[in-house]
């Protein structure tokens, strides 16, 4: 856990009943547009794999991190504002979270969902079906790359397991970053793409200059 309260007197415990979550690292930055375009050009175009055998739990979300908190809790602490944790816990009790997909702010932690930039199902059909359990766990809990972000329930539900060929954020000002991040994740994890997805990503990268 991020904090320990063992040995504190009762009065101190009352004062720390709701505590500010510690500041974590900033979210991973997207690559430059030129890098994203080079990565997009290098992606392998292939027919999507079968979804046979797919299950979200094969990616072991949300695993415990080195700080004793879950991946979800760490993203909420990292990306939220004025986050207050429950006593002796990693779980946020309050705060606000910006959902860039639809340009809205969520103030109910239960409705601040964590989205995988490249959906788990999309990863499965573009190569993750051949990975080891450890590789899938690393992908499902990736904090070092721009793979995990806050999303409102409506935007997360709307996106579901779709890629940019079939879904785009309603917040068009995010299209450039979305395409940069999505392409980067596919590139570093050596996932394949389709002609339709590649075309959609290229069009979204064109908005970077606007």
N, C-alpha and C. Protein backbone atom coordinates (compact mmCIF):
# COMPACT_ATOMS: atom_id res chain seq x y z
N UNK A 1 0.83 -1.19 0.00
CA UNK A 1 0.00 0.00 0.00
C UNK A 1 0.87 1.24 0.00
N UNK A 2 0.28 2.36 -0.40
CA UNK A 2 1.08 3.58 -0.52
C UNK A 2 1.46 4.15 0.83
N UNK A 3 0.64 3.92 1.84
CA UNK A 3 0.94 4.44 3.16
C UNK A 3 0.66 3.38 4.20
N UNK A 4 1.30 3.50 5.37
CA UNK A 4 1.03 2.59 6.48
C UNK A 4 0.64 3.42 7.69
N UNK A 5 -0.37 2.97 8.44
CA UNK A 5 -0.84 3.70 9.60
C UNK A 5 -0.62 2.89 10.89
N UNK A 6 0.14 1.82 10.80
CA UNK A 6 0.37 0.97 11.96
C UNK A 6 1.07 1.76 13.05
N UNK A 7 0.53 1.69 14.29
CA UNK A 7 1.18 2.33 15.42
C UNK A 7 0.74 3.76 15.66
N UNK A 8 -0.11 4.34 14.78
CA UNK A 8 -0.57 5.69 14.99
C UNK A 8 -1.63 5.72 16.08
N UNK A 9 -1.66 6.76 16.93
CA UNK A 9 -2.70 6.88 17.95
C UNK A 9 -4.05 7.14 17.30
N UNK A 10 -5.12 6.90 18.09
CA UNK A 10 -6.47 7.04 17.56
C UNK A 10 -6.72 8.43 16.98
N UNK A 11 -6.24 9.46 17.66
CA UNK A 11 -6.46 10.83 17.18
C UNK A 11 -5.82 11.05 15.81
N UNK A 12 -4.64 10.49 15.65
CA UNK A 12 -3.95 10.63 14.36
C UNK A 12 -4.69 9.88 13.27
N UNK A 13 -5.25 8.73 13.63
CA UNK A 13 -6.00 7.97 12.64
C UNK A 13 -7.21 8.75 12.17
N UNK A 14 -7.87 9.48 13.08
CA UNK A 14 -9.01 10.28 12.69
C UNK A 14 -8.59 11.36 11.72
N UNK A 15 -7.44 11.95 11.96
CA UNK A 15 -6.96 13.01 11.08
C UNK A 15 -6.60 12.49 9.70
N UNK A 16 -6.21 11.21 9.62
CA UNK A 16 -5.79 10.64 8.34
C UNK A 16 -6.87 9.78 7.73
N UNK A 17 -8.10 9.91 8.21
CA UNK A 17 -9.19 9.05 7.71
C UNK A 17 -9.33 9.14 6.21
N UNK A 18 -9.15 10.33 5.68
CA UNK A 18 -9.12 10.50 4.23
C UNK A 18 -7.85 11.26 3.92
N UNK A 19 -6.95 10.63 3.20
CA UNK A 19 -5.63 11.20 2.98
C UNK A 19 -5.38 11.44 1.51
N UNK A 20 -4.62 12.49 1.26
CA UNK A 20 -4.28 12.79 -0.13
C UNK A 20 -3.42 11.68 -0.70
N UNK A 21 -3.80 11.22 -1.88
CA UNK A 21 -3.00 10.19 -2.55
C UNK A 21 -1.66 10.80 -2.95
N UNK A 22 -0.59 10.05 -2.87
CA UNK A 22 0.72 10.58 -3.23
C UNK A 22 0.82 10.86 -4.72
N UNK A 23 1.61 11.83 -5.07
CA UNK A 23 1.80 12.14 -6.48
C UNK A 23 2.63 11.05 -7.14
N UNK A 24 2.14 10.56 -8.24
CA UNK A 24 2.86 9.54 -9.00
C UNK A 24 3.41 10.19 -10.28
N UNK A 25 4.11 9.43 -11.06
CA UNK A 25 4.66 9.95 -12.30
C UNK A 25 3.55 10.40 -13.23
N UNK A 26 3.88 11.33 -14.12
CA UNK A 26 2.91 11.76 -15.11
C UNK A 26 2.61 10.62 -16.08
N UNK A 27 1.45 10.67 -16.74
CA UNK A 27 1.16 9.63 -17.75
C UNK A 27 2.22 9.64 -18.84
N UNK A 28 2.55 8.50 -19.41
CA UNK A 28 3.55 8.46 -20.49
C UNK A 28 3.15 9.38 -21.64
N UNK A 29 4.08 10.12 -22.15
CA UNK A 29 3.80 11.06 -23.24
C UNK A 29 3.71 10.32 -24.57
N UNK A 30 2.90 10.82 -25.50
CA UNK A 30 2.83 10.20 -26.82
C UNK A 30 4.12 10.45 -27.59
N UNK A 31 4.42 9.62 -28.57
CA UNK A 31 5.62 9.88 -29.38
C UNK A 31 5.35 11.06 -30.31
N UNK A 32 6.38 11.68 -30.84
CA UNK A 32 6.18 12.76 -31.83
C UNK A 32 5.44 12.21 -33.05
N UNK A 33 4.78 13.10 -33.77
CA UNK A 33 4.04 12.69 -34.97
C UNK A 33 4.93 11.94 -35.96
N UNK A 34 6.14 12.43 -36.17
CA UNK A 34 7.04 11.80 -37.14
C UNK A 34 7.36 10.36 -36.72
N UNK A 35 7.55 10.17 -35.42
CA UNK A 35 7.82 8.81 -34.91
C UNK A 35 6.62 7.92 -35.12
N UNK A 36 5.43 8.44 -34.83
CA UNK A 36 4.21 7.66 -35.00
C UNK A 36 4.01 7.27 -36.46
N UNK A 37 4.29 8.20 -37.37
CA UNK A 37 4.13 7.88 -38.79
C UNK A 37 5.12 6.80 -39.23
N UNK A 38 6.35 6.86 -38.73
CA UNK A 38 7.34 5.84 -39.05
C UNK A 38 6.92 4.49 -38.48
N UNK A 39 6.40 4.51 -37.25
CA UNK A 39 5.94 3.26 -36.62
C UNK A 39 4.74 2.69 -37.37
N UNK A 40 3.84 3.56 -37.80
CA UNK A 40 2.67 3.10 -38.55
C UNK A 40 3.08 2.45 -39.87
N UNK A 41 4.02 3.07 -40.56
CA UNK A 41 4.49 2.52 -41.84
C UNK A 41 5.13 1.15 -41.67
N UNK A 42 5.71 0.91 -40.49
CA UNK A 42 6.42 -0.35 -40.25
C UNK A 42 5.52 -1.46 -39.70
N UNK A 43 4.27 -1.13 -39.32
CA UNK A 43 3.38 -2.17 -38.80
C UNK A 43 3.08 -3.21 -39.87
N UNK A 44 3.00 -4.45 -39.47
CA UNK A 44 2.68 -5.54 -40.39
C UNK A 44 1.17 -5.64 -40.57
N UNK A 45 0.73 -5.60 -41.81
CA UNK A 45 -0.69 -5.76 -42.13
C UNK A 45 -0.97 -7.26 -42.24
N UNK A 46 -1.97 -7.70 -41.51
CA UNK A 46 -2.29 -9.14 -41.51
C UNK A 46 -3.77 -9.33 -41.22
N UNK A 47 -4.26 -10.49 -41.58
CA UNK A 47 -5.64 -10.85 -41.28
C UNK A 47 -5.78 -11.05 -39.77
N UNK A 48 -6.81 -10.48 -39.16
CA UNK A 48 -6.99 -10.66 -37.71
C UNK A 48 -7.09 -12.13 -37.33
N UNK A 49 -6.50 -12.48 -36.19
CA UNK A 49 -6.54 -13.86 -35.71
C UNK A 49 -7.93 -14.18 -35.16
N UNK A 50 -8.19 -15.45 -34.98
CA UNK A 50 -9.44 -15.90 -34.40
C UNK A 50 -9.54 -15.46 -32.94
N UNK A 51 -10.75 -15.22 -32.48
CA UNK A 51 -10.97 -14.87 -31.07
C UNK A 51 -11.14 -16.12 -30.21
N UNK A 52 -10.95 -17.28 -30.77
CA UNK A 52 -11.04 -18.53 -29.99
C UNK A 52 -10.10 -18.48 -28.80
N UNK A 53 -10.62 -18.79 -27.64
CA UNK A 53 -9.81 -18.84 -26.43
C UNK A 53 -9.64 -17.52 -25.71
N UNK A 54 -10.17 -16.45 -26.29
CA UNK A 54 -9.99 -15.13 -25.67
C UNK A 54 -10.79 -15.00 -24.38
N UNK A 55 -10.17 -14.37 -23.39
CA UNK A 55 -10.85 -14.00 -22.15
C UNK A 55 -10.05 -12.85 -21.52
N UNK A 56 -10.74 -11.85 -20.98
CA UNK A 56 -10.05 -10.72 -20.38
C UNK A 56 -9.14 -11.15 -19.23
N UNK A 57 -9.56 -12.19 -18.50
CA UNK A 57 -8.75 -12.60 -17.34
C UNK A 57 -7.42 -13.22 -17.75
N UNK A 58 -7.23 -13.49 -19.03
CA UNK A 58 -5.94 -13.99 -19.48
C UNK A 58 -4.88 -12.88 -19.49
N UNK A 59 -5.32 -11.63 -19.28
CA UNK A 59 -4.39 -10.50 -19.20
C UNK A 59 -4.16 -10.07 -17.76
N UNK A 60 -4.77 -10.76 -16.82
CA UNK A 60 -4.53 -10.56 -15.38
C UNK A 60 -4.65 -9.10 -14.95
N UNK A 61 -5.71 -8.43 -15.41
CA UNK A 61 -5.97 -7.07 -14.94
C UNK A 61 -6.79 -7.15 -13.67
N UNK A 62 -6.66 -6.31 -12.72
CA UNK A 62 -5.64 -5.30 -12.49
C UNK A 62 -4.68 -5.86 -11.46
N UNK A 63 -3.50 -6.20 -11.87
CA UNK A 63 -2.52 -6.87 -11.02
C UNK A 63 -1.96 -5.90 -9.97
N UNK A 64 -1.38 -6.49 -8.92
CA UNK A 64 -0.74 -5.67 -7.88
C UNK A 64 0.61 -5.19 -8.39
N UNK A 65 0.88 -3.89 -8.15
CA UNK A 65 2.14 -3.29 -8.54
C UNK A 65 3.13 -3.34 -7.38
N UNK A 66 4.35 -2.87 -7.62
CA UNK A 66 5.40 -2.94 -6.61
C UNK A 66 5.06 -2.15 -5.35
N UNK A 67 4.19 -1.13 -5.47
CA UNK A 67 3.83 -0.32 -4.31
C UNK A 67 2.73 -0.95 -3.47
N UNK A 68 2.27 -2.14 -3.88
CA UNK A 68 1.22 -2.83 -3.14
C UNK A 68 -0.18 -2.44 -3.58
N UNK A 69 -0.29 -1.51 -4.49
CA UNK A 69 -1.58 -1.08 -5.01
C UNK A 69 -1.83 -1.78 -6.35
N UNK A 70 -3.10 -1.81 -6.77
CA UNK A 70 -3.41 -2.40 -8.06
C UNK A 70 -3.09 -1.42 -9.17
N UNK A 71 -3.00 -1.93 -10.38
CA UNK A 71 -2.76 -1.07 -11.53
C UNK A 71 -3.84 -0.01 -11.65
N UNK A 72 -5.08 -0.41 -11.45
CA UNK A 72 -6.19 0.54 -11.55
C UNK A 72 -6.04 1.66 -10.52
N UNK A 73 -5.72 1.30 -9.29
CA UNK A 73 -5.56 2.30 -8.24
C UNK A 73 -4.41 3.26 -8.56
N UNK A 74 -3.35 2.74 -9.13
CA UNK A 74 -2.21 3.59 -9.47
C UNK A 74 -2.56 4.56 -10.60
N UNK A 75 -3.35 4.12 -11.58
CA UNK A 75 -3.75 5.02 -12.66
C UNK A 75 -4.69 6.10 -12.12
N UNK A 76 -5.60 5.73 -11.22
CA UNK A 76 -6.51 6.71 -10.63
C UNK A 76 -5.72 7.75 -9.84
N UNK A 77 -4.70 7.33 -9.11
CA UNK A 77 -3.87 8.26 -8.35
C UNK A 77 -3.02 9.12 -9.27
N UNK A 78 -2.51 8.52 -10.32
CA UNK A 78 -1.63 9.22 -11.26
C UNK A 78 -2.37 10.28 -12.08
N UNK A 79 -3.54 9.95 -12.53
CA UNK A 79 -4.23 10.79 -13.50
C UNK A 79 -5.36 11.64 -12.90
N UNK A 80 -5.64 11.49 -11.61
CA UNK A 80 -6.71 12.26 -11.00
C UNK A 80 -6.22 13.58 -10.42
N UNK A 81 -7.17 14.41 -10.05
CA UNK A 81 -6.88 15.67 -9.36
C UNK A 81 -7.53 15.65 -7.98
N UNK A 82 -6.79 16.18 -7.01
CA UNK A 82 -7.29 16.24 -5.63
C UNK A 82 -7.78 14.88 -5.15
N UNK A 83 -7.02 13.85 -5.47
CA UNK A 83 -7.42 12.50 -5.10
C UNK A 83 -7.19 12.27 -3.60
N UNK A 84 -8.21 11.80 -2.94
CA UNK A 84 -8.14 11.47 -1.52
C UNK A 84 -8.39 9.98 -1.36
N UNK A 85 -7.48 9.29 -0.69
CA UNK A 85 -7.61 7.85 -0.49
C UNK A 85 -8.42 7.52 0.76
N UNK A 86 -8.99 6.33 0.75
CA UNK A 86 -9.62 5.82 1.95
C UNK A 86 -8.53 5.53 2.98
N UNK A 87 -8.87 5.47 4.27
CA UNK A 87 -7.84 5.26 5.31
C UNK A 87 -7.08 3.96 5.12
N UNK A 88 -5.76 4.05 5.27
CA UNK A 88 -4.89 2.88 5.19
C UNK A 88 -5.19 2.05 3.95
N UNK A 89 -5.32 2.73 2.83
CA UNK A 89 -5.75 2.05 1.62
C UNK A 89 -5.19 2.74 0.40
N UNK A 90 -5.14 2.02 -0.71
CA UNK A 90 -4.76 2.60 -2.00
C UNK A 90 -6.00 3.08 -2.75
N UNK A 91 -7.19 2.75 -2.26
CA UNK A 91 -8.41 3.02 -2.99
C UNK A 91 -8.86 4.47 -2.82
N UNK A 92 -8.97 5.22 -3.92
CA UNK A 92 -9.44 6.60 -3.82
C UNK A 92 -10.87 6.67 -3.28
N UNK A 93 -11.10 7.65 -2.42
CA UNK A 93 -12.44 7.90 -1.90
C UNK A 93 -13.11 9.03 -2.67
N UNK A 94 -12.28 9.97 -3.15
CA UNK A 94 -12.83 11.10 -3.89
C UNK A 94 -11.74 11.69 -4.79
N UNK A 95 -12.17 12.58 -5.66
CA UNK A 95 -11.26 13.21 -6.60
C UNK A 95 -12.00 13.54 -7.87
N UNK A 96 -11.28 13.96 -8.88
CA UNK A 96 -11.89 14.18 -10.19
C UNK A 96 -10.95 13.64 -11.25
N UNK A 97 -11.55 13.13 -12.32
CA UNK A 97 -10.79 12.47 -13.36
C UNK A 97 -11.28 12.94 -14.72
N UNK A 98 -10.36 13.37 -15.56
CA UNK A 98 -10.71 13.89 -16.88
C UNK A 98 -10.71 12.77 -17.91
N UNK A 99 -11.82 12.63 -18.61
CA UNK A 99 -11.96 11.64 -19.68
C UNK A 99 -11.75 12.35 -21.01
N UNK A 100 -10.57 12.18 -21.58
CA UNK A 100 -10.22 12.91 -22.79
C UNK A 100 -10.97 12.41 -24.01
N UNK A 101 -11.45 11.18 -24.00
CA UNK A 101 -12.20 10.66 -25.14
C UNK A 101 -13.40 11.53 -25.47
N UNK A 102 -14.12 11.96 -24.40
CA UNK A 102 -15.35 12.72 -24.62
C UNK A 102 -15.33 14.08 -23.94
N UNK A 103 -14.15 14.53 -23.51
CA UNK A 103 -13.98 15.86 -22.93
C UNK A 103 -14.94 16.10 -21.77
N UNK A 104 -14.98 15.14 -20.85
CA UNK A 104 -15.83 15.26 -19.67
C UNK A 104 -15.00 14.99 -18.42
N UNK A 105 -15.49 15.45 -17.29
CA UNK A 105 -14.83 15.21 -16.01
C UNK A 105 -15.73 14.34 -15.14
N UNK A 106 -15.14 13.30 -14.57
CA UNK A 106 -15.85 12.35 -13.72
C UNK A 106 -15.47 12.64 -12.27
N UNK A 107 -16.46 12.74 -11.39
CA UNK A 107 -16.16 13.00 -9.98
C UNK A 107 -16.57 11.84 -9.08
N UNK A 108 -17.15 10.81 -9.66
CA UNK A 108 -17.49 9.59 -8.93
C UNK A 108 -16.46 8.54 -9.29
N UNK A 109 -15.65 8.14 -8.32
CA UNK A 109 -14.55 7.21 -8.62
C UNK A 109 -15.05 5.90 -9.21
N UNK A 110 -16.25 5.49 -8.84
CA UNK A 110 -16.80 4.25 -9.37
C UNK A 110 -17.08 4.34 -10.87
N UNK A 111 -17.21 5.58 -11.36
CA UNK A 111 -17.51 5.77 -12.78
C UNK A 111 -16.29 6.23 -13.57
N UNK A 112 -15.15 6.28 -12.90
CA UNK A 112 -13.89 6.61 -13.59
C UNK A 112 -13.25 5.30 -14.02
N UNK A 113 -13.55 4.86 -15.21
CA UNK A 113 -13.03 3.57 -15.68
C UNK A 113 -11.63 3.75 -16.27
N UNK A 114 -10.90 2.67 -16.31
CA UNK A 114 -9.56 2.67 -16.92
C UNK A 114 -9.65 1.92 -18.24
N UNK A 115 -9.26 2.59 -19.30
CA UNK A 115 -9.35 2.00 -20.64
C UNK A 115 -7.97 1.60 -21.14
N UNK A 116 -7.94 0.52 -21.89
CA UNK A 116 -6.72 0.12 -22.59
C UNK A 116 -6.74 0.78 -23.97
N UNK A 117 -5.76 1.59 -24.26
CA UNK A 117 -5.69 2.29 -25.53
C UNK A 117 -5.88 1.30 -26.69
N UNK A 118 -5.09 0.24 -26.72
CA UNK A 118 -5.33 -0.87 -27.63
C UNK A 118 -6.10 -1.91 -26.83
N UNK A 119 -7.39 -2.11 -27.15
CA UNK A 119 -8.21 -3.03 -26.37
C UNK A 119 -7.62 -4.43 -26.28
N UNK A 120 -7.91 -5.11 -25.19
CA UNK A 120 -7.36 -6.45 -24.99
C UNK A 120 -7.80 -7.39 -26.11
N UNK A 121 -9.06 -7.30 -26.51
CA UNK A 121 -9.54 -8.17 -27.59
C UNK A 121 -8.84 -7.86 -28.90
N UNK A 122 -8.59 -6.58 -29.15
CA UNK A 122 -7.88 -6.19 -30.37
C UNK A 122 -6.44 -6.70 -30.33
N UNK A 123 -5.83 -6.64 -29.16
CA UNK A 123 -4.48 -7.18 -29.02
C UNK A 123 -4.48 -8.67 -29.30
N UNK A 124 -5.49 -9.36 -28.78
CA UNK A 124 -5.58 -10.81 -28.97
C UNK A 124 -5.63 -11.17 -30.45
N UNK A 125 -6.49 -10.46 -31.20
CA UNK A 125 -6.64 -10.81 -32.61
C UNK A 125 -5.51 -10.27 -33.49
N UNK A 126 -4.62 -9.47 -32.88
CA UNK A 126 -3.49 -8.98 -33.66
C UNK A 126 -2.15 -9.49 -33.15
N UNK A 127 -2.20 -10.59 -32.36
CA UNK A 127 -0.95 -11.25 -31.99
C UNK A 127 -0.82 -11.72 -30.56
N UNK A 128 -1.60 -11.16 -29.64
CA UNK A 128 -1.47 -11.53 -28.23
C UNK A 128 -1.94 -12.95 -27.94
N UNK A 129 -2.66 -13.52 -28.89
CA UNK A 129 -3.11 -14.92 -28.69
C UNK A 129 -1.93 -15.89 -28.65
N UNK A 130 -0.78 -15.45 -29.17
CA UNK A 130 0.40 -16.33 -29.18
C UNK A 130 1.36 -16.02 -28.04
N UNK A 131 1.05 -15.02 -27.22
CA UNK A 131 1.93 -14.62 -26.14
C UNK A 131 1.88 -15.58 -24.96
N UNK A 132 2.88 -15.45 -24.11
CA UNK A 132 2.87 -16.17 -22.84
C UNK A 132 1.96 -15.44 -21.86
N UNK A 133 1.64 -16.10 -20.77
CA UNK A 133 0.80 -15.48 -19.73
C UNK A 133 1.49 -14.24 -19.16
N UNK A 134 2.80 -14.28 -19.00
CA UNK A 134 3.53 -13.14 -18.46
C UNK A 134 3.49 -11.95 -19.42
N UNK A 135 3.58 -12.22 -20.71
CA UNK A 135 3.51 -11.14 -21.69
C UNK A 135 2.13 -10.47 -21.68
N UNK A 136 1.09 -11.28 -21.60
CA UNK A 136 -0.27 -10.72 -21.57
C UNK A 136 -0.49 -9.92 -20.28
N UNK A 137 0.04 -10.40 -19.16
CA UNK A 137 -0.09 -9.66 -17.90
C UNK A 137 0.62 -8.32 -18.02
N UNK A 138 1.80 -8.30 -18.60
CA UNK A 138 2.56 -7.06 -18.75
C UNK A 138 1.79 -6.07 -19.64
N UNK A 139 1.16 -6.56 -20.66
CA UNK A 139 0.39 -5.71 -21.57
C UNK A 139 -0.86 -5.16 -20.87
N UNK A 140 -1.55 -6.02 -20.16
CA UNK A 140 -2.78 -5.61 -19.49
C UNK A 140 -2.57 -4.63 -18.36
N UNK A 141 -1.33 -4.54 -17.85
CA UNK A 141 -1.02 -3.68 -16.71
C UNK A 141 0.12 -2.71 -17.02
N UNK A 142 0.24 -2.34 -18.29
CA UNK A 142 1.38 -1.53 -18.75
C UNK A 142 1.26 -0.08 -18.30
N UNK A 143 2.09 0.31 -17.34
CA UNK A 143 2.12 1.68 -16.85
C UNK A 143 3.23 2.53 -17.47
N UNK A 144 4.17 1.88 -18.14
CA UNK A 144 5.31 2.64 -18.66
C UNK A 144 5.06 3.19 -20.06
N UNK A 145 4.06 2.68 -20.75
CA UNK A 145 3.72 3.13 -22.09
C UNK A 145 2.32 3.76 -22.07
N UNK A 146 1.96 4.54 -23.10
CA UNK A 146 0.64 5.22 -23.11
C UNK A 146 -0.51 4.26 -23.44
N UNK A 147 -0.69 3.26 -22.61
CA UNK A 147 -1.68 2.22 -22.87
C UNK A 147 -2.90 2.35 -21.97
N UNK A 148 -2.75 2.93 -20.78
CA UNK A 148 -3.85 3.01 -19.82
C UNK A 148 -4.24 4.46 -19.58
N UNK A 149 -5.53 4.75 -19.67
CA UNK A 149 -6.00 6.12 -19.46
C UNK A 149 -7.41 6.11 -18.89
N UNK A 150 -7.76 7.23 -18.27
CA UNK A 150 -9.09 7.41 -17.70
C UNK A 150 -10.11 7.57 -18.82
N UNK A 151 -11.25 6.94 -18.65
CA UNK A 151 -12.35 7.11 -19.60
C UNK A 151 -13.67 7.09 -18.84
N UNK A 152 -14.58 7.94 -19.25
CA UNK A 152 -15.90 7.91 -18.65
C UNK A 152 -16.58 6.60 -19.03
N UNK A 153 -17.55 6.19 -18.26
CA UNK A 153 -18.27 4.96 -18.56
C UNK A 153 -18.89 4.97 -19.97
N UNK A 154 -19.56 6.07 -20.36
CA UNK A 154 -20.15 6.08 -21.71
C UNK A 154 -19.12 5.94 -22.83
N UNK A 155 -17.98 6.64 -22.70
CA UNK A 155 -16.98 6.55 -23.77
C UNK A 155 -16.32 5.18 -23.80
N UNK A 156 -16.08 4.59 -22.64
CA UNK A 156 -15.48 3.27 -22.58
C UNK A 156 -16.43 2.23 -23.15
N UNK A 157 -17.70 2.37 -22.81
CA UNK A 157 -18.70 1.43 -23.33
C UNK A 157 -18.85 1.58 -24.83
N UNK A 158 -18.81 2.82 -25.31
CA UNK A 158 -18.93 3.06 -26.75
C UNK A 158 -17.75 2.47 -27.51
N UNK A 159 -16.56 2.62 -26.97
CA UNK A 159 -15.36 2.08 -27.61
C UNK A 159 -15.34 0.56 -27.55
N UNK A 160 -15.65 0.01 -26.39
CA UNK A 160 -15.65 -1.44 -26.19
C UNK A 160 -14.31 -2.02 -26.65
N UNK A 161 -14.34 -3.01 -27.55
CA UNK A 161 -13.08 -3.61 -28.01
C UNK A 161 -12.73 -3.17 -29.43
N UNK A 162 -13.26 -2.01 -29.83
CA UNK A 162 -13.02 -1.51 -31.19
C UNK A 162 -11.70 -0.77 -31.30
N UNK A 163 -11.13 -0.83 -32.47
CA UNK A 163 -9.96 -0.04 -32.81
C UNK A 163 -10.39 1.17 -33.61
N UNK A 164 -9.45 2.01 -34.06
CA UNK A 164 -9.78 3.25 -34.77
C UNK A 164 -10.45 3.06 -36.11
N UNK A 165 -10.43 1.86 -36.67
CA UNK A 165 -11.14 1.63 -37.91
C UNK A 165 -12.65 1.68 -37.70
N UNK A 166 -13.08 1.39 -36.46
CA UNK A 166 -14.52 1.31 -36.18
C UNK A 166 -14.99 2.29 -35.10
N UNK A 167 -14.05 2.96 -34.44
CA UNK A 167 -14.43 3.88 -33.37
C UNK A 167 -13.40 4.99 -33.27
N UNK A 168 -13.90 6.20 -33.01
CA UNK A 168 -13.02 7.34 -32.78
C UNK A 168 -13.58 8.16 -31.61
N UNK A 169 -12.72 8.80 -30.83
CA UNK A 169 -13.19 9.64 -29.73
C UNK A 169 -14.10 10.75 -30.25
N UNK A 170 -15.15 11.07 -29.50
CA UNK A 170 -16.00 12.19 -29.90
C UNK A 170 -15.25 13.51 -29.77
N UNK A 171 -14.24 13.54 -28.92
CA UNK A 171 -13.39 14.72 -28.76
C UNK A 171 -12.34 14.73 -29.87
N UNK A 172 -12.64 15.42 -30.96
CA UNK A 172 -11.75 15.39 -32.12
C UNK A 172 -10.38 16.00 -31.85
N UNK A 173 -10.29 16.85 -30.83
CA UNK A 173 -8.99 17.45 -30.52
C UNK A 173 -8.01 16.41 -29.98
N UNK A 174 -8.52 15.23 -29.62
CA UNK A 174 -7.66 14.16 -29.11
C UNK A 174 -7.25 13.18 -30.20
N UNK A 175 -7.77 13.34 -31.40
CA UNK A 175 -7.49 12.37 -32.47
C UNK A 175 -6.01 12.21 -32.74
N UNK A 176 -5.28 13.30 -32.76
CA UNK A 176 -3.84 13.22 -33.04
C UNK A 176 -3.14 12.36 -31.99
N UNK A 177 -3.33 12.69 -30.72
CA UNK A 177 -2.69 11.94 -29.64
C UNK A 177 -3.16 10.50 -29.61
N UNK A 178 -4.45 10.30 -29.84
CA UNK A 178 -5.01 8.94 -29.87
C UNK A 178 -4.29 8.09 -30.92
N UNK A 179 -4.12 8.64 -32.11
CA UNK A 179 -3.45 7.90 -33.18
C UNK A 179 -1.98 7.66 -32.85
N UNK A 180 -1.32 8.66 -32.26
CA UNK A 180 0.08 8.51 -31.88
C UNK A 180 0.24 7.41 -30.83
N UNK A 181 -0.60 7.46 -29.80
CA UNK A 181 -0.51 6.47 -28.72
C UNK A 181 -0.85 5.07 -29.21
N UNK A 182 -1.95 4.96 -29.95
CA UNK A 182 -2.41 3.65 -30.44
C UNK A 182 -1.34 3.01 -31.32
N UNK A 183 -0.81 3.79 -32.25
CA UNK A 183 0.22 3.28 -33.14
C UNK A 183 1.45 2.86 -32.36
N UNK A 184 1.84 3.66 -31.38
CA UNK A 184 3.03 3.36 -30.59
C UNK A 184 2.87 2.05 -29.83
N UNK A 185 1.70 1.84 -29.24
CA UNK A 185 1.47 0.59 -28.50
C UNK A 185 1.53 -0.60 -29.45
N UNK A 186 0.90 -0.49 -30.59
CA UNK A 186 0.96 -1.60 -31.55
C UNK A 186 2.40 -1.86 -32.00
N UNK A 187 3.17 -0.80 -32.14
CA UNK A 187 4.55 -0.94 -32.61
C UNK A 187 5.43 -1.62 -31.56
N UNK A 188 5.42 -1.11 -30.34
CA UNK A 188 6.35 -1.65 -29.33
C UNK A 188 5.96 -3.06 -28.90
N UNK A 189 4.67 -3.39 -29.01
CA UNK A 189 4.24 -4.75 -28.66
C UNK A 189 4.19 -5.67 -29.87
N UNK A 190 4.61 -5.14 -31.02
CA UNK A 190 4.72 -5.94 -32.25
C UNK A 190 3.39 -6.59 -32.62
N UNK A 191 2.33 -5.81 -32.53
CA UNK A 191 1.01 -6.26 -32.93
C UNK A 191 0.76 -5.89 -34.38
N UNK A 192 -0.07 -6.66 -35.05
CA UNK A 192 -0.36 -6.40 -36.46
C UNK A 192 -1.50 -5.39 -36.60
N UNK A 193 -1.72 -4.98 -37.82
CA UNK A 193 -2.81 -4.05 -38.13
C UNK A 193 -3.54 -4.55 -39.37
N UNK A 194 -4.54 -3.80 -39.79
CA UNK A 194 -5.25 -4.10 -41.04
C UNK A 194 -5.17 -2.86 -41.93
N UNK A 195 -5.47 -3.03 -43.20
CA UNK A 195 -5.44 -1.88 -44.11
C UNK A 195 -6.43 -0.81 -43.65
N UNK A 196 -7.59 -1.25 -43.18
CA UNK A 196 -8.63 -0.31 -42.74
C UNK A 196 -8.16 0.47 -41.50
N UNK A 197 -7.54 -0.24 -40.57
CA UNK A 197 -7.06 0.42 -39.36
C UNK A 197 -5.90 1.36 -39.70
N UNK A 198 -5.02 0.91 -40.55
CA UNK A 198 -3.86 1.74 -40.93
C UNK A 198 -4.31 3.04 -41.59
N UNK A 199 -5.33 2.94 -42.44
CA UNK A 199 -5.86 4.12 -43.11
C UNK A 199 -6.49 5.08 -42.10
N UNK A 200 -7.23 4.52 -41.14
CA UNK A 200 -7.87 5.35 -40.12
C UNK A 200 -6.83 6.08 -39.27
N UNK A 201 -5.77 5.38 -38.89
CA UNK A 201 -4.72 5.98 -38.08
C UNK A 201 -3.99 7.08 -38.86
N UNK A 202 -3.74 6.84 -40.14
CA UNK A 202 -3.07 7.84 -40.96
C UNK A 202 -3.91 9.12 -41.07
N UNK A 203 -5.22 8.94 -41.24
CA UNK A 203 -6.11 10.10 -41.33
C UNK A 203 -6.14 10.88 -40.03
N UNK A 204 -6.10 10.16 -38.90
CA UNK A 204 -6.12 10.83 -37.61
C UNK A 204 -4.80 11.55 -37.34
N UNK A 205 -3.70 10.99 -37.84
CA UNK A 205 -2.41 11.66 -37.69
C UNK A 205 -2.37 12.95 -38.51
N UNK A 206 -3.18 13.02 -39.56
CA UNK A 206 -3.24 14.24 -40.37
C UNK A 206 -3.78 15.41 -39.56
N UNK A 207 -4.53 15.13 -38.49
CA UNK A 207 -5.07 16.21 -37.66
C UNK A 207 -4.00 16.82 -36.77
N UNK A 208 -2.83 16.21 -36.66
CA UNK A 208 -1.77 16.74 -35.81
C UNK A 208 -1.30 18.11 -36.27
N UNK A 209 -1.42 18.38 -37.54
CA UNK A 209 -0.94 19.64 -38.09
C UNK A 209 -2.01 20.73 -38.00
N UNK A 210 -3.24 20.36 -37.61
CA UNK A 210 -4.34 21.32 -37.59
C UNK A 210 -4.41 22.07 -36.26
